[in-house]
Amino acid sequence: MSVPTTALLLVSYTLTPLYANRYLLYTAPGMALLLGGALASLRPQWKRITVGVLLCALCFPGLLASRFPYAHDGTDWKTAAEILKARAASGDVILFFPDVGNTADPRRALDGYPDLLGDLDDAGLSRTAEQRNSLEGTGVSPKDWKQRIPAGARLWLLARRTTTRAEYRQITRQGFRLQKIWAGPSTVVYRVRLTGHTS
């Protein structure tokens, strides 16, 4: 048990992420027992104390980091959903960009917090997660948003923080004007206005 866990952690931290570290938490009790047994076998007692203090010191930064608001890979979807819940009204339209079924897409805010965003009209939805037989739904391209938005609707957009200017132009060319409301580590919340002409 300890070899696969250790190998996954080492490769993920040094080369490329293979696994989200929180998914390895299920191995923590077994690792604690294994380390406790190894620690108990050390002689003399000063070695046990020294190694025990060293192990605690090595574990402390990871434990501390997992307690911050955006500790889970910088996901801020709950905060973004809470901001929209406070500002948006029932029936307002919510759009997501990008919205291609990637696990990092801002649509995860709706998937993860339907109690906060469920009153909003998901006008850009193309296929639900169930229809795709997947964990993620997908949306239509920004060029198809206009035909799906009810006349006079208030619009909101959740965008990925890493969205480039060129990608934003896909939205603004369609006549949408964005006003930034909030930006977190991975998501930006916009109030959107639709103009009568494209730019």
Protein backbone atom coordinates (compact mmCIF):
# COMPACT_ATOMS: atom_id res chain seq x y z
CA MET A 1 0.00 0.00 0.00
CA SER A 2 2.74 2.49 0.86
CA VAL A 3 4.78 1.92 -2.32
CA PRO A 4 2.01 2.85 -4.82
CA THR A 5 0.93 5.83 -2.69
CA THR A 6 4.47 7.10 -2.31
CA ALA A 7 5.24 6.57 -6.00
CA LEU A 8 2.09 8.46 -7.08
CA LEU A 9 2.87 11.36 -4.76
CA LEU A 10 6.52 11.59 -5.82
CA VAL A 11 5.76 11.53 -9.53
CA SER A 12 2.85 13.97 -9.13
CA TYR A 13 4.94 16.47 -7.19
CA THR A 14 8.14 16.20 -9.23
CA LEU A 15 7.14 15.42 -12.84
CA THR A 16 3.50 15.71 -13.78
CA PRO A 17 0.25 15.48 -11.80
CA LEU A 18 -1.06 11.95 -12.13
CA TYR A 19 -3.56 12.08 -9.33
CA ALA A 20 -5.16 14.77 -7.17
CA ASN A 21 -3.47 14.40 -3.81
CA ARG A 22 -6.75 14.53 -1.90
CA TYR A 23 -7.77 11.27 -3.59
CA LEU A 24 -5.00 9.53 -1.72
CA LEU A 25 -6.47 10.43 1.66
CA TYR A 26 -8.07 7.00 1.92
CA THR A 27 -4.59 5.57 2.38
CA ALA A 28 -3.81 7.87 5.34
CA PRO A 29 -4.95 5.47 8.11
CA GLY A 30 -2.90 2.61 6.67
CA MET A 31 0.14 4.86 6.19
CA ALA A 32 -0.22 6.09 9.79
CA LEU A 33 -0.28 2.51 11.08
CA LEU A 34 2.69 1.55 8.92
CA LEU A 35 4.72 4.59 10.01
CA GLY A 36 3.68 4.09 13.64
CA GLY A 37 4.89 0.48 13.53
CA ALA A 38 8.18 1.52 11.96
CA LEU A 39 8.57 4.30 14.50
CA ALA A 40 7.90 1.93 17.41
CA SER A 41 10.67 -0.38 16.24
CA LEU A 42 13.32 2.34 16.45
CA ARG A 43 15.79 2.13 19.35
CA PRO A 44 16.80 4.09 21.43
CA GLN A 45 13.88 6.32 22.39
CA TRP A 46 15.58 9.56 21.25
CA LYS A 47 15.55 8.22 17.67
CA ARG A 48 11.78 7.57 17.89
CA ILE A 49 11.20 11.08 19.17
CA THR A 50 13.47 12.67 16.54
CA VAL A 51 11.92 10.77 13.62
CA GLY A 52 8.39 11.37 14.99
CA VAL A 53 8.98 15.13 15.22
CA LEU A 54 10.50 15.10 11.71
CA LEU A 55 7.49 13.22 10.29
CA CYS A 56 5.10 15.68 11.95
CA ALA A 57 7.07 18.60 10.53
CA LEU A 58 6.95 17.08 7.03
CA CYS A 59 3.19 16.48 7.23
CA PHE A 60 2.26 19.88 8.69
CA PRO A 61 2.51 21.99 5.47
CA GLY A 62 0.23 19.60 3.58
CA LEU A 63 -2.31 19.50 6.40
CA LEU A 64 -2.26 23.28 6.69
CA ALA A 65 -2.61 23.81 2.92
CA SER A 66 -5.67 21.53 2.78
CA ARG A 67 -7.55 23.84 5.17
CA PHE A 68 -7.57 27.00 3.04
CA PRO A 69 -10.72 28.06 1.15
CA TYR A 70 -9.33 27.22 -2.30
CA ALA A 71 -7.18 24.27 -1.26
CA HIS A 72 -8.64 21.84 -3.77
CA ASP A 73 -6.56 22.71 -6.83
CA GLY A 74 -7.64 26.35 -6.61
CA THR A 75 -11.29 25.58 -7.32
CA ASP A 76 -13.42 28.52 -6.25
CA TRP A 77 -16.73 27.36 -7.67
CA LYS A 78 -18.56 27.55 -4.35
CA THR A 79 -17.56 31.18 -3.84
CA ALA A 80 -18.53 32.03 -7.42
CA ALA A 81 -21.89 30.29 -6.91
CA GLU A 82 -22.47 32.18 -3.64
CA ILE A 83 -21.73 35.50 -5.35
CA LEU A 84 -24.21 34.71 -8.12
CA LYS A 85 -26.81 33.56 -5.59
CA ALA A 86 -26.50 36.94 -3.83
CA ARG A 87 -26.65 39.05 -7.03
CA ALA A 88 -28.73 37.14 -9.54
CA ALA A 89 -32.49 36.76 -9.52
CA SER A 90 -34.48 33.63 -10.24
CA GLY A 91 -34.79 33.19 -14.00
CA ASP A 92 -31.62 35.14 -14.84
CA VAL A 93 -29.53 33.43 -17.53
CA ILE A 94 -26.20 31.85 -16.66
CA LEU A 95 -23.59 31.10 -19.32
CA PHE A 96 -20.28 29.28 -19.01
CA PHE A 97 -17.03 29.68 -20.93
CA PRO A 98 -15.32 27.53 -21.93
CA ASP A 99 -17.99 24.87 -21.79
CA VAL A 100 -16.67 21.82 -23.60
CA GLY A 101 -17.04 19.14 -20.91
CA ASN A 102 -13.64 19.54 -19.31
CA THR A 103 -13.40 18.90 -15.57
CA ALA A 104 -11.91 22.39 -15.11
CA ASP A 105 -14.75 24.18 -16.94
CA PRO A 106 -16.75 26.63 -14.81
CA ARG A 107 -19.93 24.61 -15.42
CA ARG A 108 -18.72 22.54 -12.46
CA ALA A 109 -20.04 25.37 -10.23
CA LEU A 110 -23.59 24.51 -11.36
CA ASP A 111 -22.92 20.78 -11.17
CA GLY A 112 -21.44 21.07 -7.68
CA TYR A 113 -23.80 23.66 -6.20
CA PRO A 114 -27.24 23.26 -7.78
CA ASP A 115 -28.84 24.57 -4.57
CA LEU A 116 -27.11 27.92 -5.17
CA LEU A 117 -27.47 28.16 -8.96
CA GLY A 118 -30.47 25.96 -9.73
CA ASP A 119 -32.87 28.93 -10.07
CA LEU A 120 -30.87 30.34 -13.00
CA ASP A 121 -31.68 29.55 -16.63
CA ASP A 122 -28.84 27.48 -18.11
CA ALA A 123 -29.53 28.77 -21.62
CA GLY A 124 -26.23 27.60 -23.07
CA LEU A 125 -26.64 23.94 -22.13
CA SER A 126 -26.12 21.62 -25.08
CA ARG A 127 -25.95 18.18 -23.52
CA THR A 128 -26.34 17.18 -19.88
CA ALA A 129 -23.88 14.88 -18.16
CA GLU A 130 -26.50 12.12 -18.31
CA GLN A 131 -26.97 12.58 -22.05
CA ARG A 132 -23.20 12.36 -22.54
CA ASN A 133 -22.91 9.41 -20.16
CA SER A 134 -20.25 11.45 -18.37
CA LEU A 135 -19.66 13.50 -15.25
CA GLU A 136 -19.71 16.75 -17.21
CA GLY A 137 -22.33 18.45 -19.34
CA THR A 138 -21.43 20.71 -22.26
CA GLY A 139 -22.67 23.98 -23.66
CA VAL A 140 -23.06 25.54 -27.06
CA SER A 141 -20.52 27.91 -28.58
CA PRO A 142 -20.88 31.66 -27.82
CA LYS A 143 -22.03 32.21 -31.42
CA ASP A 144 -25.17 30.22 -30.56
CA TRP A 145 -25.95 31.96 -27.26
CA LYS A 146 -28.11 34.79 -28.63
CA GLN A 147 -30.78 32.52 -30.10
CA ARG A 148 -31.16 30.75 -26.75
CA ILE A 149 -31.46 33.82 -24.53
CA PRO A 150 -34.99 35.07 -23.75
CA ALA A 151 -35.62 38.72 -24.65
CA GLY A 152 -34.81 41.10 -21.79
CA ALA A 153 -33.11 38.46 -19.64
CA ARG A 154 -30.35 39.46 -17.24
CA LEU A 155 -27.16 37.59 -18.12
CA TRP A 156 -24.28 36.24 -16.05
CA LEU A 157 -21.12 34.48 -17.16
CA LEU A 158 -18.74 32.20 -15.31
CA ALA A 159 -15.43 32.03 -17.17
CA ARG A 160 -12.22 30.18 -16.50
CA ARG A 161 -9.56 32.53 -15.11
CA THR A 162 -7.06 31.34 -17.72
CA THR A 163 -9.32 32.40 -20.63
CA THR A 164 -7.23 34.37 -23.13
CA ARG A 165 -8.13 37.65 -24.86
CA ALA A 166 -8.50 35.77 -28.14
CA GLU A 167 -10.99 33.42 -26.50
CA TYR A 168 -12.92 36.34 -24.99
CA ARG A 169 -13.22 37.80 -28.48
CA GLN A 170 -15.40 34.80 -29.36
CA ILE A 171 -17.87 36.29 -26.88
CA THR A 172 -17.51 40.02 -27.56
CA ARG A 173 -17.80 39.55 -31.35
CA GLN A 174 -21.31 38.30 -30.75
CA GLY A 175 -22.29 41.62 -29.12
CA PHE A 176 -21.82 40.60 -25.50
CA ARG A 177 -20.21 43.15 -23.14
CA LEU A 178 -18.60 41.85 -19.97
CA GLN A 179 -18.37 43.61 -16.62
CA LYS A 180 -16.15 41.81 -14.12
CA ILE A 181 -17.86 41.31 -10.77
CA TRP A 182 -15.41 38.98 -9.03
CA ALA A 183 -12.26 36.98 -9.84
CA GLY A 184 -10.97 34.02 -7.88
CA PRO A 185 -8.07 31.63 -8.40
CA SER A 186 -9.83 29.68 -11.17
CA THR A 187 -13.11 31.44 -12.02
CA VAL A 188 -14.27 34.93 -13.01
CA VAL A 189 -17.87 36.12 -12.56
CA TYR A 190 -19.18 38.61 -15.13
CA ARG A 191 -22.39 40.57 -15.52
CA VAL A 192 -23.13 40.40 -19.24
CA ARG A 193 -24.94 42.88 -21.44
CA LEU A 194 -26.04 42.16 -24.97
CA THR A 195 -25.75 45.02 -27.43
CA GLY A 196 -27.65 45.31 -30.70
CA HIS A 197 -24.53 45.09 -32.87
CA THR A 198 -21.38 42.97 -33.07
CA SER A 199 -17.88 44.33 -32.80
